[in-house]
Amino acid sequence: MVSDQVSRVEHAHLEIKHRIMQGALAPGAPLSESKLARMLHTSRTPVREALSRLLQEGYVERVPARGYFVAQITMTLIQNVFQVRRLLEGAAAARAAEFADPATVGHARQNADFRYVLGDAASLHRAQRANTEFHLAIASGSRNALLAGLIRDCLNQVTRFIALGVNLEPLQGTASREHHAVVDAIERHDPAGARGALEDHLDNSSRLMMEALVRGDVRAVTV
């Protein structure tokens, strides 16, 4: 019985989180326990526990006497996520270069190309998935599970940002080249080079994101 309850909470947690990450539940949207329970074909108890977990993870907010809402995305949050990614992923790339495991190099290289057909939602989704796999491959290559888990959390937040409508077209000309530069440094056992290449890549990605915000290209971002 306990394990069944845990599985229902886990299911509710993952489903609600996925909808938030993909933008189906928009920033600021109210989260009704009863509506979510009906949508997920479960009771309110696992939904309530799932929302409590998502509150701790920063995906929802709780307003006294009003209930839960999808957490807002702010410019400060986006800046903070990229700053933390720079610290964590730079360190992960350096450690991955120390080991230069062939499996890590192969997996990262396989997902290094960031290319899609403009206007083709399916190809864009594949490009986003490959990008996530690229960064997770390097995180895993650090052989530090805690570090890799923190990086995954940051990448989940980036998925939320992109779901708001970020134009990724400017990344096509640089991201693939930058990704391969990171893999090259890892493959030649160059920790400093791998860290620098990864940090440069994230600096460029952060700059493009900020430029999109300034232009007003991104919906539902608050100050």
N, C-alpha and C. Protein backbone atom coordinates (compact mmCIF):
# COMPACT_ATOMS: atom_id res chain seq x y z
N MET A 1 0.83 -1.20 0.00
CA MET A 1 0.00 0.00 0.00
C MET A 1 0.87 1.25 0.00
N VAL A 2 1.91 1.24 0.83
CA VAL A 2 2.81 2.39 0.91
C VAL A 2 3.51 2.60 -0.43
N SER A 3 4.01 1.52 -1.02
CA SER A 3 4.71 1.64 -2.29
C SER A 3 3.77 2.16 -3.38
N ASP A 4 2.49 1.74 -3.33
CA ASP A 4 1.53 2.22 -4.31
C ASP A 4 1.31 3.72 -4.16
N GLN A 5 1.24 4.20 -2.92
CA GLN A 5 1.08 5.62 -2.66
C GLN A 5 2.30 6.40 -3.17
N VAL A 6 3.49 5.85 -2.91
CA VAL A 6 4.72 6.50 -3.37
C VAL A 6 4.72 6.59 -4.89
N SER A 7 4.32 5.52 -5.56
CA SER A 7 4.32 5.52 -7.02
C SER A 7 3.32 6.53 -7.56
N ARG A 8 2.17 6.71 -6.89
CA ARG A 8 1.19 7.68 -7.35
C ARG A 8 1.70 9.11 -7.14
N VAL A 9 2.39 9.34 -6.04
CA VAL A 9 2.99 10.66 -5.80
C VAL A 9 4.07 10.94 -6.84
N GLU A 10 4.90 9.94 -7.11
CA GLU A 10 5.97 10.11 -8.09
C GLU A 10 5.40 10.39 -9.47
N HIS A 11 4.34 9.67 -9.82
CA HIS A 11 3.70 9.89 -11.12
C HIS A 11 3.14 11.31 -11.21
N ALA A 12 2.44 11.73 -10.18
CA ALA A 12 1.87 13.09 -10.18
C ALA A 12 2.98 14.14 -10.25
N HIS A 13 4.04 13.92 -9.50
CA HIS A 13 5.17 14.85 -9.49
C HIS A 13 5.78 14.99 -10.88
N LEU A 14 6.05 13.87 -11.52
CA LEU A 14 6.69 13.90 -12.84
C LEU A 14 5.77 14.51 -13.90
N GLU A 15 4.48 14.18 -13.84
CA GLU A 15 3.55 14.68 -14.84
C GLU A 15 3.36 16.19 -14.72
N ILE A 16 3.19 16.68 -13.50
CA ILE A 16 3.00 18.12 -13.31
C ILE A 16 4.28 18.87 -13.67
N LYS A 17 5.41 18.32 -13.27
CA LYS A 17 6.70 18.95 -13.57
C LYS A 17 6.92 19.02 -15.08
N HIS A 18 6.59 17.93 -15.78
CA HIS A 18 6.75 17.90 -17.23
C HIS A 18 5.90 18.98 -17.89
N ARG A 19 4.67 19.14 -17.44
CA ARG A 19 3.78 20.14 -18.02
C ARG A 19 4.29 21.56 -17.76
N ILE A 20 4.88 21.76 -16.59
CA ILE A 20 5.46 23.08 -16.28
C ILE A 20 6.68 23.34 -17.16
N MET A 21 7.55 22.34 -17.28
CA MET A 21 8.77 22.50 -18.08
C MET A 21 8.46 22.76 -19.54
N GLN A 22 7.41 22.13 -20.07
CA GLN A 22 7.07 22.27 -21.48
C GLN A 22 6.17 23.48 -21.76
N GLY A 23 5.79 24.19 -20.71
CA GLY A 23 4.98 25.39 -20.90
C GLY A 23 3.49 25.14 -20.99
N ALA A 24 3.05 23.88 -20.86
CA ALA A 24 1.62 23.59 -20.89
C ALA A 24 0.93 24.22 -19.68
N LEU A 25 1.63 24.28 -18.56
CA LEU A 25 1.18 25.02 -17.38
C LEU A 25 2.06 26.26 -17.31
N ALA A 26 1.51 27.40 -17.68
CA ALA A 26 2.30 28.61 -17.87
C ALA A 26 2.66 29.27 -16.54
N PRO A 27 3.73 30.06 -16.52
CA PRO A 27 4.11 30.79 -15.31
C PRO A 27 2.94 31.62 -14.79
N GLY A 28 2.69 31.52 -13.49
CA GLY A 28 1.60 32.26 -12.88
C GLY A 28 0.26 31.56 -12.89
N ALA A 29 0.15 30.43 -13.61
CA ALA A 29 -1.14 29.73 -13.70
C ALA A 29 -1.50 29.11 -12.35
N PRO A 30 -2.77 29.19 -11.95
CA PRO A 30 -3.20 28.55 -10.69
C PRO A 30 -3.19 27.04 -10.85
N LEU A 31 -2.91 26.35 -9.76
CA LEU A 31 -2.84 24.90 -9.78
C LEU A 31 -3.87 24.34 -8.80
N SER A 32 -5.00 23.94 -9.33
CA SER A 32 -6.08 23.39 -8.53
C SER A 32 -5.82 21.91 -8.26
N GLU A 33 -5.81 21.52 -7.00
CA GLU A 33 -5.59 20.12 -6.66
C GLU A 33 -6.66 19.23 -7.29
N SER A 34 -7.91 19.66 -7.24
CA SER A 34 -8.99 18.83 -7.78
C SER A 34 -8.89 18.69 -9.30
N LYS A 35 -8.56 19.78 -9.99
CA LYS A 35 -8.43 19.72 -11.45
C LYS A 35 -7.24 18.85 -11.86
N LEU A 36 -6.13 19.01 -11.14
CA LEU A 36 -4.95 18.19 -11.45
C LEU A 36 -5.24 16.72 -11.17
N ALA A 37 -5.97 16.45 -10.10
CA ALA A 37 -6.31 15.06 -9.77
C ALA A 37 -7.14 14.43 -10.88
N ARG A 38 -8.11 15.19 -11.40
CA ARG A 38 -8.93 14.67 -12.49
C ARG A 38 -8.08 14.46 -13.75
N MET A 39 -7.20 15.41 -14.02
CA MET A 39 -6.37 15.32 -15.22
C MET A 39 -5.43 14.12 -15.16
N LEU A 40 -4.94 13.80 -13.96
CA LEU A 40 -3.98 12.72 -13.80
C LEU A 40 -4.64 11.41 -13.38
N HIS A 41 -5.98 11.44 -13.26
CA HIS A 41 -6.73 10.23 -12.89
C HIS A 41 -6.23 9.65 -11.56
N THR A 42 -6.16 10.51 -10.57
CA THR A 42 -5.71 10.09 -9.25
C THR A 42 -6.49 10.87 -8.21
N SER A 43 -6.15 10.69 -6.94
CA SER A 43 -6.82 11.43 -5.88
C SER A 43 -6.03 12.71 -5.57
N ARG A 44 -6.59 13.54 -4.71
CA ARG A 44 -5.95 14.81 -4.39
C ARG A 44 -4.72 14.63 -3.50
N THR A 45 -4.67 13.53 -2.74
CA THR A 45 -3.55 13.34 -1.81
C THR A 45 -2.20 13.28 -2.52
N PRO A 46 -2.00 12.43 -3.53
CA PRO A 46 -0.71 12.43 -4.22
C PRO A 46 -0.43 13.75 -4.94
N VAL A 47 -1.48 14.41 -5.43
CA VAL A 47 -1.28 15.71 -6.09
C VAL A 47 -0.77 16.72 -5.07
N ARG A 48 -1.36 16.71 -3.88
CA ARG A 48 -0.94 17.65 -2.82
C ARG A 48 0.52 17.40 -2.45
N GLU A 49 0.90 16.14 -2.32
CA GLU A 49 2.29 15.83 -1.98
C GLU A 49 3.24 16.19 -3.12
N ALA A 50 2.78 15.99 -4.35
CA ALA A 50 3.60 16.35 -5.51
C ALA A 50 3.82 17.86 -5.57
N LEU A 51 2.78 18.63 -5.30
CA LEU A 51 2.90 20.09 -5.30
C LEU A 51 3.84 20.56 -4.20
N SER A 52 3.79 19.90 -3.07
CA SER A 52 4.70 20.25 -1.98
C SER A 52 6.15 20.02 -2.39
N ARG A 53 6.40 18.93 -3.11
CA ARG A 53 7.76 18.64 -3.60
C ARG A 53 8.19 19.66 -4.64
N LEU A 54 7.28 20.00 -5.53
CA LEU A 54 7.60 20.99 -6.57
C LEU A 54 7.83 22.38 -5.98
N LEU A 55 7.18 22.66 -4.86
CA LEU A 55 7.43 23.92 -4.16
C LEU A 55 8.88 23.97 -3.68
N GLN A 56 9.36 22.86 -3.11
CA GLN A 56 10.73 22.80 -2.64
C GLN A 56 11.73 22.91 -3.80
N GLU A 57 11.34 22.41 -4.96
CA GLU A 57 12.22 22.44 -6.13
C GLU A 57 12.17 23.77 -6.88
N GLY A 58 11.23 24.64 -6.50
CA GLY A 58 11.16 25.95 -7.12
C GLY A 58 10.29 26.05 -8.35
N TYR A 59 9.50 25.01 -8.65
CA TYR A 59 8.65 25.04 -9.84
C TYR A 59 7.27 25.63 -9.56
N VAL A 60 6.87 25.64 -8.32
CA VAL A 60 5.58 26.24 -7.96
C VAL A 60 5.77 27.18 -6.78
N GLU A 61 4.78 28.05 -6.59
CA GLU A 61 4.76 28.97 -5.46
C GLU A 61 3.45 28.77 -4.71
N ARG A 62 3.48 29.03 -3.42
CA ARG A 62 2.25 28.89 -2.62
C ARG A 62 1.90 30.24 -2.02
N VAL A 63 0.69 30.68 -2.30
CA VAL A 63 0.20 31.96 -1.79
C VAL A 63 -0.80 31.67 -0.67
N PRO A 64 -0.58 32.17 0.54
CA PRO A 64 -1.50 31.90 1.64
C PRO A 64 -2.94 32.25 1.28
N ALA A 65 -3.84 31.35 1.62
CA ALA A 65 -5.28 31.49 1.40
C ALA A 65 -5.68 31.44 -0.07
N ARG A 66 -4.70 31.25 -0.98
CA ARG A 66 -5.03 31.19 -2.41
C ARG A 66 -4.58 29.88 -3.06
N GLY A 67 -3.57 29.24 -2.50
CA GLY A 67 -3.14 27.96 -3.04
C GLY A 67 -1.86 28.05 -3.85
N TYR A 68 -1.68 27.05 -4.72
CA TYR A 68 -0.46 26.92 -5.50
C TYR A 68 -0.59 27.57 -6.87
N PHE A 69 0.53 28.08 -7.36
CA PHE A 69 0.63 28.66 -8.69
C PHE A 69 1.96 28.23 -9.31
N VAL A 70 1.98 28.15 -10.64
CA VAL A 70 3.24 27.88 -11.32
C VAL A 70 4.19 29.04 -11.06
N ALA A 71 5.42 28.72 -10.68
CA ALA A 71 6.39 29.76 -10.35
C ALA A 71 6.66 30.66 -11.55
N GLN A 72 6.79 31.95 -11.28
CA GLN A 72 7.13 32.89 -12.33
C GLN A 72 8.58 32.69 -12.76
N ILE A 73 8.86 33.03 -14.02
CA ILE A 73 10.23 33.05 -14.51
C ILE A 73 10.68 34.50 -14.57
N THR A 74 11.75 34.81 -13.89
CA THR A 74 12.25 36.18 -13.85
C THR A 74 13.61 36.27 -14.54
N MET A 75 13.99 37.48 -14.91
CA MET A 75 15.30 37.69 -15.51
C MET A 75 16.40 37.28 -14.53
N THR A 76 16.16 37.55 -13.24
CA THR A 76 17.14 37.17 -12.22
C THR A 76 17.31 35.66 -12.17
N LEU A 77 16.20 34.92 -12.25
CA LEU A 77 16.28 33.46 -12.24
C LEU A 77 17.09 32.97 -13.42
N ILE A 78 16.83 33.49 -14.61
CA ILE A 78 17.56 33.06 -15.79
C ILE A 78 19.05 33.35 -15.65
N GLN A 79 19.39 34.54 -15.17
CA GLN A 79 20.80 34.89 -14.96
C GLN A 79 21.43 33.96 -13.93
N ASN A 80 20.70 33.69 -12.86
CA ASN A 80 21.24 32.81 -11.80
C ASN A 80 21.49 31.40 -12.32
N VAL A 81 20.56 30.89 -13.12
CA VAL A 81 20.72 29.53 -13.64
C VAL A 81 21.97 29.44 -14.51
N PHE A 82 22.18 30.42 -15.38
CA PHE A 82 23.36 30.37 -16.24
C PHE A 82 24.65 30.57 -15.45
N GLN A 83 24.61 31.37 -14.39
CA GLN A 83 25.79 31.53 -13.54
C GLN A 83 26.15 30.22 -12.84
N VAL A 84 25.12 29.54 -12.34
CA VAL A 84 25.35 28.26 -11.66
C VAL A 84 25.82 27.21 -12.67
N ARG A 85 25.21 27.21 -13.85
CA ARG A 85 25.64 26.26 -14.88
C ARG A 85 27.12 26.47 -15.21
N ARG A 86 27.53 27.71 -15.32
CA ARG A 86 28.92 28.01 -15.65
C ARG A 86 29.87 27.39 -14.63
N LEU A 87 29.52 27.54 -13.36
CA LEU A 87 30.35 26.98 -12.29
C LEU A 87 30.36 25.46 -12.32
N LEU A 88 29.15 24.88 -12.39
CA LEU A 88 29.03 23.43 -12.31
C LEU A 88 29.53 22.73 -13.55
N GLU A 89 29.12 23.20 -14.72
CA GLU A 89 29.47 22.50 -15.95
C GLU A 89 30.92 22.72 -16.33
N GLY A 90 31.48 23.87 -15.95
CA GLY A 90 32.92 24.07 -16.17
C GLY A 90 33.72 23.06 -15.38
N ALA A 91 33.32 22.86 -14.11
CA ALA A 91 34.00 21.88 -13.27
C ALA A 91 33.80 20.47 -13.80
N ALA A 92 32.60 20.16 -14.26
CA ALA A 92 32.32 18.83 -14.79
C ALA A 92 33.16 18.55 -16.03
N ALA A 93 33.28 19.54 -16.92
CA ALA A 93 34.07 19.35 -18.14
C ALA A 93 35.53 19.11 -17.80
N ALA A 94 36.04 19.84 -16.81
CA ALA A 94 37.44 19.65 -16.40
C ALA A 94 37.67 18.24 -15.86
N ARG A 95 36.74 17.77 -15.03
CA ARG A 95 36.88 16.41 -14.49
C ARG A 95 36.72 15.36 -15.57
N ALA A 96 35.78 15.60 -16.50
CA ALA A 96 35.60 14.65 -17.59
C ALA A 96 36.87 14.54 -18.42
N ALA A 97 37.61 15.65 -18.57
CA ALA A 97 38.85 15.63 -19.33
C ALA A 97 39.95 14.85 -18.60
N GLU A 98 39.88 14.85 -17.28
CA GLU A 98 40.87 14.07 -16.52
C GLU A 98 40.71 12.59 -16.82
N PHE A 99 39.47 12.15 -16.96
CA PHE A 99 39.22 10.73 -17.22
C PHE A 99 39.19 10.43 -18.72
N ALA A 100 38.62 11.35 -19.51
CA ALA A 100 38.50 11.19 -20.96
C ALA A 100 38.03 9.79 -21.33
N ASP A 101 36.95 9.37 -20.68
CA ASP A 101 36.40 8.05 -20.94
C ASP A 101 35.87 7.99 -22.37
N PRO A 102 36.24 6.95 -23.14
CA PRO A 102 35.78 6.85 -24.54
C PRO A 102 34.27 6.89 -24.69
N ALA A 103 33.56 6.31 -23.74
CA ALA A 103 32.09 6.32 -23.81
C ALA A 103 31.56 7.74 -23.66
N THR A 104 32.15 8.50 -22.75
CA THR A 104 31.74 9.89 -22.56
C THR A 104 32.00 10.70 -23.82
N VAL A 105 33.21 10.55 -24.35
CA VAL A 105 33.58 11.28 -25.57
C VAL A 105 32.64 10.91 -26.71
N GLY A 106 32.35 9.62 -26.87
CA GLY A 106 31.49 9.17 -27.95
C GLY A 106 30.07 9.68 -27.82
N HIS A 107 29.52 9.62 -26.61
CA HIS A 107 28.14 10.07 -26.39
C HIS A 107 28.03 11.57 -26.61
N ALA A 108 29.00 12.33 -26.08
CA ALA A 108 28.97 13.78 -26.25
C ALA A 108 29.12 14.15 -27.73
N ARG A 109 30.06 13.50 -28.41
CA ARG A 109 30.28 13.79 -29.83
C ARG A 109 29.03 13.49 -30.66
N GLN A 110 28.35 12.41 -30.31
CA GLN A 110 27.14 12.00 -31.04
C GLN A 110 26.04 13.05 -30.94
N ASN A 111 26.01 13.81 -29.84
CA ASN A 111 24.95 14.80 -29.61
C ASN A 111 25.44 16.24 -29.72
N ALA A 112 26.63 16.43 -30.28
CA ALA A 112 27.25 17.76 -30.30
C ALA A 112 26.63 18.71 -31.32
N ASP A 113 26.08 18.18 -32.40
CA ASP A 113 25.56 19.05 -33.45
C ASP A 113 24.19 19.61 -33.08
N PHE A 114 24.08 20.94 -33.09
CA PHE A 114 22.81 21.60 -32.79
C PHE A 114 22.27 22.20 -34.09
N ARG A 115 21.47 21.42 -34.80
CA ARG A 115 20.93 21.88 -36.08
C ARG A 115 19.48 21.43 -36.20
N TYR A 116 18.66 22.31 -36.75
CA TYR A 116 17.26 21.98 -36.98
C TYR A 116 16.74 22.78 -38.15
N VAL A 117 15.59 22.38 -38.65
CA VAL A 117 14.95 23.07 -39.76
C VAL A 117 14.03 24.13 -39.20
N LEU A 118 14.27 25.37 -39.57
CA LEU A 118 13.46 26.48 -39.06
C LEU A 118 11.99 26.26 -39.39
N GLY A 119 11.15 26.34 -38.37
CA GLY A 119 9.72 26.13 -38.56
C GLY A 119 9.26 24.70 -38.40
N ASP A 120 10.21 23.77 -38.25
CA ASP A 120 9.89 22.35 -38.08
C ASP A 120 9.98 22.02 -36.60
N ALA A 121 8.84 21.93 -35.94
CA ALA A 121 8.80 21.72 -34.49
C ALA A 121 9.47 20.41 -34.09
N ALA A 122 9.29 19.37 -34.90
CA ALA A 122 9.86 18.06 -34.57
C ALA A 122 11.39 18.12 -34.60
N SER A 123 11.95 18.77 -35.60
CA SER A 123 13.41 18.84 -35.69
C SER A 123 13.97 19.73 -34.59
N LEU A 124 13.23 20.77 -34.20
CA LEU A 124 13.67 21.62 -33.09
C LEU A 124 13.69 20.82 -31.80
N HIS A 125 12.66 20.00 -31.61
CA HIS A 125 12.60 19.17 -30.40
C HIS A 125 13.78 18.20 -30.36
N ARG A 126 14.13 17.62 -31.51
CA ARG A 126 15.28 16.71 -31.55
C ARG A 126 16.57 17.45 -31.23
N ALA A 127 16.70 18.67 -31.73
CA ALA A 127 17.89 19.47 -31.46
C ALA A 127 18.00 19.80 -29.98
N GLN A 128 16.87 20.16 -29.36
CA GLN A 128 16.87 20.46 -27.93
C GLN A 128 17.24 19.22 -27.12
N ARG A 129 16.68 18.07 -27.51
CA ARG A 129 16.97 16.83 -26.79
C ARG A 129 18.44 16.46 -26.92
N ALA A 130 19.00 16.62 -28.13
CA ALA A 130 20.42 16.33 -28.33
C ALA A 130 21.29 17.26 -27.50
N ASN A 131 20.89 18.53 -27.43
CA ASN A 131 21.65 19.49 -26.63
C ASN A 131 21.67 19.08 -25.16
N THR A 132 20.51 18.68 -24.65
CA THR A 132 20.44 18.23 -23.26
C THR A 132 21.31 17.00 -23.05
N GLU A 133 21.25 16.05 -23.97
CA GLU A 133 22.05 14.84 -23.86
C GLU A 133 23.54 15.16 -23.91
N PHE A 134 23.92 16.14 -24.72
CA PHE A 134 25.33 16.55 -24.79
C PHE A 134 25.82 17.01 -23.42
N HIS A 135 25.08 17.92 -22.82
CA HIS A 135 25.51 18.46 -21.53
C HIS A 135 25.46 17.41 -20.42
N LEU A 136 24.47 16.51 -20.47
CA LEU A 136 24.39 15.45 -19.47
C LEU A 136 25.51 14.43 -19.64
N ALA A 137 25.95 14.20 -20.88
CA ALA A 137 27.05 13.28 -21.12
C ALA A 137 28.32 13.78 -20.44
N ILE A 138 28.58 15.07 -20.56
CA ILE A 138 29.76 15.64 -19.92
C ILE A 138 29.61 15.63 -18.41
N ALA A 139 28.41 15.93 -17.94
CA ALA A 139 28.16 15.89 -16.48
C ALA A 139 28.40 14.49 -15.95
N SER A 140 27.90 13.47 -16.66
CA SER A 140 28.12 12.09 -16.25
C SER A 140 29.60 11.73 -16.31
N GLY A 141 30.31 12.29 -17.29
CA GLY A 141 31.74 12.01 -17.44
C GLY A 141 32.58 12.52 -16.30
N SER A 142 32.02 13.41 -15.46
CA SER A 142 32.75 13.89 -14.29
C SER A 142 32.87 12.81 -13.22
N ARG A 143 32.06 11.77 -13.35
CA ARG A 143 32.01 10.67 -12.37
C ARG A 143 31.65 11.16 -10.97
N ASN A 144 30.83 12.20 -10.94
CA ASN A 144 30.35 12.75 -9.68
C ASN A 144 28.83 12.84 -9.79
N ALA A 145 28.13 11.90 -9.19
CA ALA A 145 26.68 11.80 -9.36
C ALA A 145 25.96 13.02 -8.81
N LEU A 146 26.46 13.59 -7.70
CA LEU A 146 25.82 14.77 -7.12
C LEU A 146 25.95 15.95 -8.07
N LEU A 147 27.15 16.13 -8.63
CA LEU A 147 27.37 17.21 -9.60
C LEU A 147 26.48 17.04 -10.82
N ALA A 148 26.39 15.82 -11.33
CA ALA A 148 25.55 15.55 -12.49
C ALA A 148 24.08 15.83 -12.19
N GLY A 149 23.63 15.51 -10.99
CA GLY A 149 22.24 15.76 -10.61
C GLY A 149 21.92 17.24 -10.56
N LEU A 150 22.85 18.03 -10.04
CA LEU A 150 22.64 19.48 -9.97
C LEU A 150 22.59 20.09 -11.37
N ILE A 151 23.44 19.58 -12.26
CA ILE A 151 23.44 20.07 -13.64
C ILE A 151 22.13 19.71 -14.32
N ARG A 152 21.62 18.52 -14.07
CA ARG A 152 20.33 18.12 -14.65
C ARG A 152 19.23 19.07 -14.18
N ASP A 153 19.25 19.44 -12.91
CA ASP A 153 18.24 20.38 -12.39
C ASP A 153 18.30 21.71 -13.14
N CYS A 154 19.51 22.20 -13.39
CA CYS A 154 19.66 23.46 -14.12
C CYS A 154 19.16 23.32 -15.55
N LEU A 155 19.45 22.20 -16.19
CA LEU A 155 18.99 21.99 -17.57
C LEU A 155 17.47 21.92 -17.65
N ASN A 156 16.83 21.39 -16.61
CA ASN A 156 15.37 21.37 -16.57
C ASN A 156 14.81 22.80 -16.56
N GLN A 157 15.48 23.68 -15.84
CA GLN A 157 15.05 25.07 -15.82
C GLN A 157 15.22 25.70 -17.19
N VAL A 158 16.31 25.38 -17.87
CA VAL A 158 16.54 25.92 -19.21
C VAL A 158 15.45 25.46 -20.17
N THR A 159 15.00 24.22 -20.01
CA THR A 159 13.89 23.73 -20.82
C THR A 159 12.65 24.60 -20.63
N ARG A 160 12.41 25.04 -19.40
CA ARG A 160 11.29 25.95 -19.13
C ARG A 160 11.47 27.26 -19.88
N PHE A 161 12.68 27.80 -19.86
CA PHE A 161 12.93 29.08 -20.52
C PHE A 161 12.64 28.97 -22.02
N ILE A 162 13.16 27.90 -22.62
CA ILE A 162 13.02 27.72 -24.06
C ILE A 162 11.55 27.56 -24.44
N ALA A 163 10.77 26.92 -23.56
CA ALA A 163 9.34 26.71 -23.84
C ALA A 163 8.57 28.02 -23.92
N LEU A 164 9.15 29.10 -23.42
CA LEU A 164 8.48 30.39 -23.47
C LEU A 164 8.54 31.02 -24.85
N GLY A 165 9.35 30.45 -25.73
CA GLY A 165 9.40 30.96 -27.10
C GLY A 165 10.72 31.60 -27.48
N VAL A 166 11.82 31.16 -26.88
CA VAL A 166 13.14 31.70 -27.22
C VAL A 166 13.50 31.32 -28.66
N ASN A 167 13.98 32.29 -29.42
CA ASN A 167 14.42 32.02 -30.78
C ASN A 167 15.82 31.41 -30.73
N LEU A 168 15.92 30.14 -31.11
CA LEU A 168 17.20 29.44 -31.04
C LEU A 168 18.00 29.51 -32.33
N GLU A 169 17.46 30.21 -33.33
CA GLU A 169 18.14 30.29 -34.62
C GLU A 169 19.58 30.81 -34.50
N PRO A 170 19.86 31.85 -33.67
CA PRO A 170 21.25 32.33 -33.58
C PRO A 170 22.23 31.29 -33.06
N LEU A 171 21.73 30.29 -32.34
CA LEU A 171 22.61 29.25 -31.79
C LEU A 171 23.13 28.29 -32.85
N GLN A 172 22.41 28.20 -33.97
CA GLN A 172 22.77 27.20 -34.97
C GLN A 172 24.18 27.42 -35.53
N GLY A 173 24.58 28.66 -35.62
CA GLY A 173 25.88 28.93 -36.22
C GLY A 173 27.06 28.72 -35.29
N THR A 174 26.78 28.65 -33.98
CA THR A 174 27.89 28.59 -33.02
C THR A 174 27.87 27.37 -32.10
N ALA A 175 26.68 26.92 -31.72
CA ALA A 175 26.59 25.89 -30.69
C ALA A 175 27.31 24.61 -31.07
N SER A 176 27.12 24.14 -32.31
CA SER A 176 27.76 22.90 -32.73
C SER A 176 29.28 23.03 -32.64
N ARG A 177 29.80 24.14 -33.15
CA ARG A 177 31.25 24.36 -33.12
C ARG A 177 31.77 24.41 -31.67
N GLU A 178 31.03 25.09 -30.82
CA GLU A 178 31.44 25.20 -29.42
C GLU A 178 31.37 23.85 -28.72
N HIS A 179 30.33 23.08 -29.02
CA HIS A 179 30.21 21.73 -28.44
C HIS A 179 31.41 20.86 -28.82
N HIS A 180 31.76 20.87 -30.09
CA HIS A 180 32.87 20.04 -30.55
C HIS A 180 34.20 20.50 -29.93
N ALA A 181 34.34 21.80 -29.68
CA ALA A 181 35.55 22.30 -29.03
C ALA A 181 35.68 21.73 -27.62
N VAL A 182 34.56 21.61 -26.93
CA VAL A 182 34.57 21.02 -25.58
C VAL A 182 34.99 19.55 -25.66
N VAL A 183 34.38 18.81 -26.59
CA VAL A 183 34.70 17.39 -26.72
C VAL A 183 36.16 17.20 -27.12
N ASP A 184 36.67 18.04 -28.01
CA ASP A 184 38.07 17.95 -28.42
C ASP A 184 39.00 18.08 -27.21
N ALA A 185 38.71 19.05 -26.35
CA ALA A 185 39.56 19.27 -25.17
C ALA A 185 39.47 18.09 -24.21
N ILE A 186 38.28 17.54 -24.05
CA ILE A 186 38.13 16.36 -23.18
C ILE A 186 38.91 15.19 -23.74
N GLU A 187 38.80 14.99 -25.04
CA GLU A 187 39.46 13.85 -25.69
C GLU A 187 40.98 13.93 -25.58
N ARG A 188 41.53 15.13 -25.56
CA ARG A 188 42.99 15.25 -25.46
C ARG A 188 43.47 15.42 -24.01
N HIS A 189 42.58 15.14 -23.07
CA HIS A 189 42.91 15.20 -21.64
C HIS A 189 43.39 16.60 -21.24
N ASP A 190 42.61 17.61 -21.60
CA ASP A 190 42.97 19.01 -21.32
C ASP A 190 41.90 19.63 -20.43
N PRO A 191 42.02 19.47 -19.10
CA PRO A 191 41.00 19.99 -18.19
C PRO A 191 40.78 21.49 -18.31
N ALA A 192 41.86 22.26 -18.37
CA ALA A 192 41.71 23.71 -18.46
C ALA A 192 41.03 24.10 -19.78
N GLY A 193 41.42 23.44 -20.85
CA GLY A 193 40.81 23.73 -22.14
C GLY A 193 39.34 23.36 -22.18
N ALA A 194 38.99 22.22 -21.57
CA ALA A 194 37.59 21.79 -21.54
C ALA A 194 36.75 22.75 -20.71
N ARG A 195 37.28 23.15 -19.56
CA ARG A 195 36.55 24.10 -18.72
C ARG A 195 36.35 25.42 -19.47
N GLY A 196 37.40 25.93 -20.08
CA GLY A 196 37.31 27.20 -20.79
C GLY A 196 36.34 27.15 -21.96
N ALA A 197 36.39 26.05 -22.72
CA ALA A 197 35.50 25.92 -23.88
C ALA A 197 34.04 25.83 -23.44
N LEU A 198 33.79 25.11 -22.35
CA LEU A 198 32.42 24.98 -21.87
C LEU A 198 31.92 26.31 -21.31
N GLU A 199 32.78 27.01 -20.58
CA GLU A 199 32.38 28.30 -20.03
C GLU A 199 32.11 29.32 -21.15
N ASP A 200 32.95 29.31 -22.18
CA ASP A 200 32.72 30.21 -23.32
C ASP A 200 31.38 29.93 -23.99
N HIS A 201 31.08 28.65 -24.14
CA HIS A 201 29.81 28.25 -24.75
C HIS A 201 28.62 28.76 -23.94
N LEU A 202 28.67 28.59 -22.62
CA LEU A 202 27.56 29.03 -21.79
C LEU A 202 27.47 30.55 -21.73
N ASP A 203 28.61 31.23 -21.78
CA ASP A 203 28.60 32.70 -21.82
C ASP A 203 27.87 33.18 -23.07
N ASN A 204 28.14 32.55 -24.21
CA ASN A 204 27.48 32.93 -25.46
C ASN A 204 25.99 32.63 -25.41
N SER A 205 25.63 31.46 -24.85
CA SER A 205 24.22 31.09 -24.74
C SER A 205 23.47 32.06 -23.83
N SER A 206 24.10 32.42 -22.71
CA SER A 206 23.50 33.37 -21.78
C SER A 206 23.31 34.73 -22.44
N ARG A 207 24.30 35.16 -23.21
CA ARG A 207 24.20 36.45 -23.89
C ARG A 207 23.03 36.46 -24.87
N LEU A 208 22.89 35.40 -25.64
CA LEU A 208 21.79 35.32 -26.59
C LEU A 208 20.43 35.33 -25.88
N MET A 209 20.37 34.65 -24.74
CA MET A 209 19.13 34.63 -23.97
C MET A 209 18.79 36.04 -23.47
N MET A 210 19.78 36.76 -22.96
CA MET A 210 19.55 38.10 -22.46
C MET A 210 19.14 39.04 -23.59
N GLU A 211 19.75 38.88 -24.76
CA GLU A 211 19.38 39.71 -25.91
C GLU A 211 17.93 39.46 -26.31
N ALA A 212 17.50 38.20 -26.24
CA ALA A 212 16.11 37.87 -26.56
C ALA A 212 15.16 38.53 -25.56
N LEU A 213 15.56 38.56 -24.30
CA LEU A 213 14.73 39.20 -23.28
C LEU A 213 14.62 40.70 -23.52
N VAL A 214 15.73 41.32 -23.85
CA VAL A 214 15.73 42.76 -24.10
C VAL A 214 14.85 43.10 -25.30
N ARG A 215 14.89 42.26 -26.33
CA ARG A 215 14.06 42.50 -27.52
C ARG A 215 12.58 42.24 -27.26
N GLY A 216 12.29 41.54 -26.17
CA GLY A 216 10.90 41.20 -25.87
C GLY A 216 10.43 39.96 -26.59
N ASP A 217 11.40 39.10 -27.03
CA ASP A 217 11.04 37.90 -27.78
C ASP A 217 10.44 36.81 -26.88
N VAL A 218 10.71 36.89 -25.59
CA VAL A 218 10.33 35.81 -24.68
C VAL A 218 9.10 36.21 -23.89
N ARG A 219 8.08 35.35 -23.90
CA ARG A 219 6.84 35.63 -23.21
C ARG A 219 6.95 35.30 -21.73
N ALA A 220 6.13 36.01 -20.95
CA ALA A 220 5.86 35.65 -19.55
C ALA A 220 7.09 35.69 -18.65
N VAL A 221 8.07 36.54 -18.97
CA VAL A 221 9.21 36.71 -18.07
C VAL A 221 9.02 38.03 -17.32
N THR A 222 9.13 37.98 -16.00
CA THR A 222 8.97 39.17 -15.20
C THR A 222 10.33 39.70 -14.76
N VAL A 223 10.35 40.92 -14.28
CA VAL A 223 11.63 41.53 -13.87
C VAL A 223 12.12 40.90 -12.58
